[in-house]
Every structure is written in structure tokens, then in C-alpha cells.
């Protein structure tokens, strides 16, 4: 099953922020934003985290808990 990850309204607002921190979640926020606000979990894993599935899952879980991204 292919999971689509989308930015929420909060995530979309954060994607325009110039005050970036070193948190690896910012990579996902900016990548999703550059891809029209939506991308697949596999694409995010490949292009942001070098194919590291565990890191990708942790980042997505944290961003969902904060209300920044939503899964479809």
C-alpha cells in the first residue's frame, strides 16, 4: 500500500519559515513542500533520508503527532 504524506495547514505555514533548526524533520517539511505539498513515504525515504526506513518512520510519526503532516 502506498501512503501519501501531505502537509497540514500548520505544516504549510512552517514550510515558508526561514528560521530553520537542525532537526531532521525540517528536511521532510521542505521536501514535501517542494513537491506540491504531497509525496509518498517511499519518495521521502529515498530522497531525504537515503533509504533509511527507520529514520523516515520516526520523523513521520513525530510530525504527525505535532500536527504538521497527515497521512492519506
N, C-alpha and C. Protein backbone atom coordinates (compact mmCIF):
# COMPACT_ATOMS: atom_id res chain seq x y z
N UNK A 1 0.83 -1.19 0.00
CA UNK A 1 0.00 0.00 0.00
C UNK A 1 0.88 1.25 0.00
N UNK A 2 0.54 2.19 -0.83
CA UNK A 2 1.31 3.43 -0.93
C UNK A 2 0.66 4.47 -0.03
N UNK A 3 1.46 5.02 0.88
CA UNK A 3 0.94 6.05 1.78
C UNK A 3 1.38 7.43 1.27
N UNK A 4 0.42 8.32 1.13
CA UNK A 4 0.69 9.69 0.72
C UNK A 4 0.80 10.55 1.98
N UNK A 5 1.87 11.29 2.08
CA UNK A 5 2.09 12.20 3.20
C UNK A 5 1.84 13.62 2.69
N UNK A 6 0.98 14.36 3.38
CA UNK A 6 0.64 15.74 2.99
C UNK A 6 0.92 16.68 4.15
N UNK A 7 1.22 17.91 3.81
CA UNK A 7 1.38 18.94 4.83
C UNK A 7 0.01 19.41 5.30
N UNK A 8 -0.14 19.59 6.59
CA UNK A 8 -1.36 20.20 7.12
C UNK A 8 -1.23 21.72 6.94
N UNK A 9 -2.23 22.46 7.37
CA UNK A 9 -2.14 23.92 7.29
C UNK A 9 -0.96 24.43 8.11
N UNK A 10 -0.78 23.83 9.27
CA UNK A 10 0.36 24.19 10.13
C UNK A 10 1.69 23.87 9.44
N UNK A 11 1.77 22.71 8.82
CA UNK A 11 2.98 22.31 8.10
C UNK A 11 3.27 23.21 6.92
N UNK A 12 2.23 23.61 6.22
CA UNK A 12 2.39 24.51 5.09
C UNK A 12 2.94 25.86 5.55
N UNK A 13 2.44 26.35 6.67
CA UNK A 13 2.95 27.62 7.21
C UNK A 13 4.41 27.47 7.62
N UNK A 14 4.76 26.36 8.25
CA UNK A 14 6.14 26.14 8.67
C UNK A 14 7.09 26.00 7.48
N UNK A 15 6.59 25.49 6.37
CA UNK A 15 7.46 25.28 5.20
C UNK A 15 7.96 26.59 4.62
N UNK A 16 7.31 27.70 4.95
CA UNK A 16 7.74 29.01 4.47
C UNK A 16 8.66 29.71 5.46
N UNK A 17 8.94 29.06 6.57
CA UNK A 17 9.78 29.65 7.61
C UNK A 17 11.24 29.71 7.17
N UNK A 18 11.89 30.79 7.51
CA UNK A 18 13.31 30.93 7.23
C UNK A 18 14.13 30.63 8.49
N UNK A 19 13.48 30.35 9.59
CA UNK A 19 14.15 30.07 10.85
C UNK A 19 14.28 28.56 11.03
N UNK A 20 15.09 27.96 10.24
CA UNK A 20 15.27 26.52 10.23
C UNK A 20 16.15 26.08 11.40
N UNK A 21 15.79 24.96 12.02
CA UNK A 21 16.64 24.38 13.07
C UNK A 21 17.37 23.18 12.47
N UNK A 22 18.18 22.52 13.29
CA UNK A 22 18.93 21.36 12.81
C UNK A 22 18.13 20.06 12.89
N UNK A 23 16.89 20.12 13.34
CA UNK A 23 16.06 18.93 13.45
C UNK A 23 15.84 18.31 12.07
N UNK A 24 15.96 16.98 11.99
CA UNK A 24 15.84 16.32 10.68
C UNK A 24 14.41 16.36 10.13
N UNK A 25 13.45 16.72 10.95
CA UNK A 25 12.08 16.86 10.46
C UNK A 25 11.93 17.98 9.45
N UNK A 26 12.79 18.99 9.55
CA UNK A 26 12.73 20.10 8.58
C UNK A 26 13.01 19.62 7.17
N UNK A 27 13.87 18.62 7.01
CA UNK A 27 14.14 18.08 5.68
C UNK A 27 12.85 17.58 5.05
N UNK A 28 12.05 16.87 5.83
CA UNK A 28 10.79 16.34 5.32
C UNK A 28 9.81 17.47 4.99
N UNK A 29 9.71 18.45 5.87
CA UNK A 29 8.78 19.56 5.66
C UNK A 29 9.11 20.29 4.36
N UNK A 30 10.37 20.63 4.17
CA UNK A 30 10.76 21.35 2.95
C UNK A 30 10.62 20.49 1.70
N UNK A 31 10.97 19.20 1.80
CA UNK A 31 10.86 18.31 0.64
C UNK A 31 9.40 18.17 0.21
N UNK A 32 8.52 17.94 1.17
CA UNK A 32 7.10 17.79 0.84
C UNK A 32 6.56 19.08 0.23
N UNK A 33 6.98 20.21 0.78
CA UNK A 33 6.54 21.50 0.25
C UNK A 33 7.00 21.69 -1.20
N UNK A 34 8.24 21.33 -1.49
CA UNK A 34 8.77 21.49 -2.85
C UNK A 34 8.09 20.57 -3.85
N UNK A 35 7.46 19.50 -3.35
CA UNK A 35 6.77 18.55 -4.21
C UNK A 35 5.26 18.78 -4.22
N UNK A 36 4.84 20.00 -4.04
CA UNK A 36 3.43 20.34 -4.13
C UNK A 36 2.62 20.07 -2.88
N UNK A 37 3.28 19.86 -1.76
CA UNK A 37 2.56 19.63 -0.51
C UNK A 37 2.19 18.18 -0.25
N UNK A 38 2.57 17.30 -1.17
CA UNK A 38 2.27 15.87 -1.03
C UNK A 38 3.40 15.04 -1.62
N UNK A 39 3.67 13.90 -1.02
CA UNK A 39 4.60 12.93 -1.61
C UNK A 39 4.37 11.58 -0.96
N UNK A 40 4.92 10.54 -1.54
CA UNK A 40 4.78 9.21 -0.96
C UNK A 40 5.84 9.01 0.12
N UNK A 41 5.56 8.09 1.02
CA UNK A 41 6.51 7.76 2.08
C UNK A 41 7.82 7.23 1.47
N UNK A 42 7.72 6.42 0.40
CA UNK A 42 8.90 5.86 -0.24
C UNK A 42 9.79 6.95 -0.85
N UNK A 43 9.18 7.91 -1.49
CA UNK A 43 9.94 9.01 -2.11
C UNK A 43 10.64 9.84 -1.04
N UNK A 44 9.95 10.11 0.06
CA UNK A 44 10.53 10.85 1.17
C UNK A 44 11.72 10.08 1.75
N UNK A 45 11.54 8.79 1.91
CA UNK A 45 12.60 7.94 2.45
C UNK A 45 13.84 7.96 1.55
N UNK A 46 13.63 7.84 0.26
CA UNK A 46 14.73 7.77 -0.69
C UNK A 46 15.49 9.09 -0.80
N UNK A 47 14.77 10.19 -0.97
CA UNK A 47 15.42 11.45 -1.28
C UNK A 47 15.85 12.26 -0.06
N UNK A 48 15.20 12.07 1.10
CA UNK A 48 15.56 12.85 2.28
C UNK A 48 16.47 12.09 3.23
N UNK A 49 16.25 10.79 3.35
CA UNK A 49 16.94 10.02 4.39
C UNK A 49 17.76 8.86 3.83
N UNK A 50 18.09 8.92 2.56
CA UNK A 50 18.99 7.93 1.96
C UNK A 50 18.50 6.50 2.05
N UNK A 51 17.20 6.30 2.07
CA UNK A 51 16.66 4.96 2.11
C UNK A 51 16.54 4.36 3.50
N UNK A 52 16.81 5.14 4.53
CA UNK A 52 16.73 4.67 5.92
C UNK A 52 15.26 4.68 6.37
N UNK A 53 14.63 3.51 6.33
CA UNK A 53 13.21 3.39 6.62
C UNK A 53 12.91 3.72 8.07
N UNK A 54 13.77 3.28 8.99
CA UNK A 54 13.52 3.53 10.42
C UNK A 54 13.52 5.02 10.73
N UNK A 55 14.47 5.75 10.19
CA UNK A 55 14.54 7.20 10.40
C UNK A 55 13.31 7.87 9.81
N UNK A 56 12.95 7.48 8.59
CA UNK A 56 11.78 8.06 7.93
C UNK A 56 10.52 7.83 8.76
N UNK A 57 10.33 6.62 9.24
CA UNK A 57 9.13 6.31 10.05
C UNK A 57 9.11 7.12 11.33
N UNK A 58 10.26 7.29 11.99
CA UNK A 58 10.32 8.09 13.21
C UNK A 58 9.98 9.55 12.94
N UNK A 59 10.53 10.10 11.88
CA UNK A 59 10.27 11.50 11.53
C UNK A 59 8.79 11.71 11.22
N UNK A 60 8.23 10.83 10.41
CA UNK A 60 6.81 10.97 10.05
C UNK A 60 5.92 10.83 11.28
N UNK A 61 6.25 9.89 12.15
CA UNK A 61 5.48 9.71 13.38
C UNK A 61 5.51 10.97 14.23
N UNK A 62 6.69 11.56 14.39
CA UNK A 62 6.83 12.79 15.19
C UNK A 62 6.08 13.95 14.56
N UNK A 63 6.17 14.09 13.24
CA UNK A 63 5.50 15.20 12.56
C UNK A 63 3.98 15.03 12.60
N UNK A 64 3.50 13.78 12.53
CA UNK A 64 2.06 13.55 12.66
C UNK A 64 1.58 13.90 14.06
N UNK A 65 2.36 13.54 15.08
CA UNK A 65 1.98 13.83 16.47
C UNK A 65 1.91 15.34 16.72
N UNK A 66 2.74 16.11 16.02
CA UNK A 66 2.74 17.56 16.17
C UNK A 66 1.72 18.23 15.27
N UNK A 67 1.04 17.47 14.41
CA UNK A 67 0.03 18.03 13.53
C UNK A 67 0.59 18.75 12.32
N UNK A 68 1.82 18.40 11.94
CA UNK A 68 2.46 19.08 10.81
C UNK A 68 2.17 18.36 9.49
N UNK A 69 2.11 17.04 9.54
CA UNK A 69 1.77 16.27 8.33
C UNK A 69 0.59 15.36 8.65
N UNK A 70 -0.07 14.92 7.59
CA UNK A 70 -1.16 13.94 7.70
C UNK A 70 -0.94 12.86 6.67
N UNK A 71 -1.35 11.65 6.98
CA UNK A 71 -1.25 10.54 6.05
C UNK A 71 -2.58 10.33 5.36
N UNK A 72 -2.52 9.91 4.10
CA UNK A 72 -3.75 9.64 3.34
C UNK A 72 -3.76 8.20 2.91
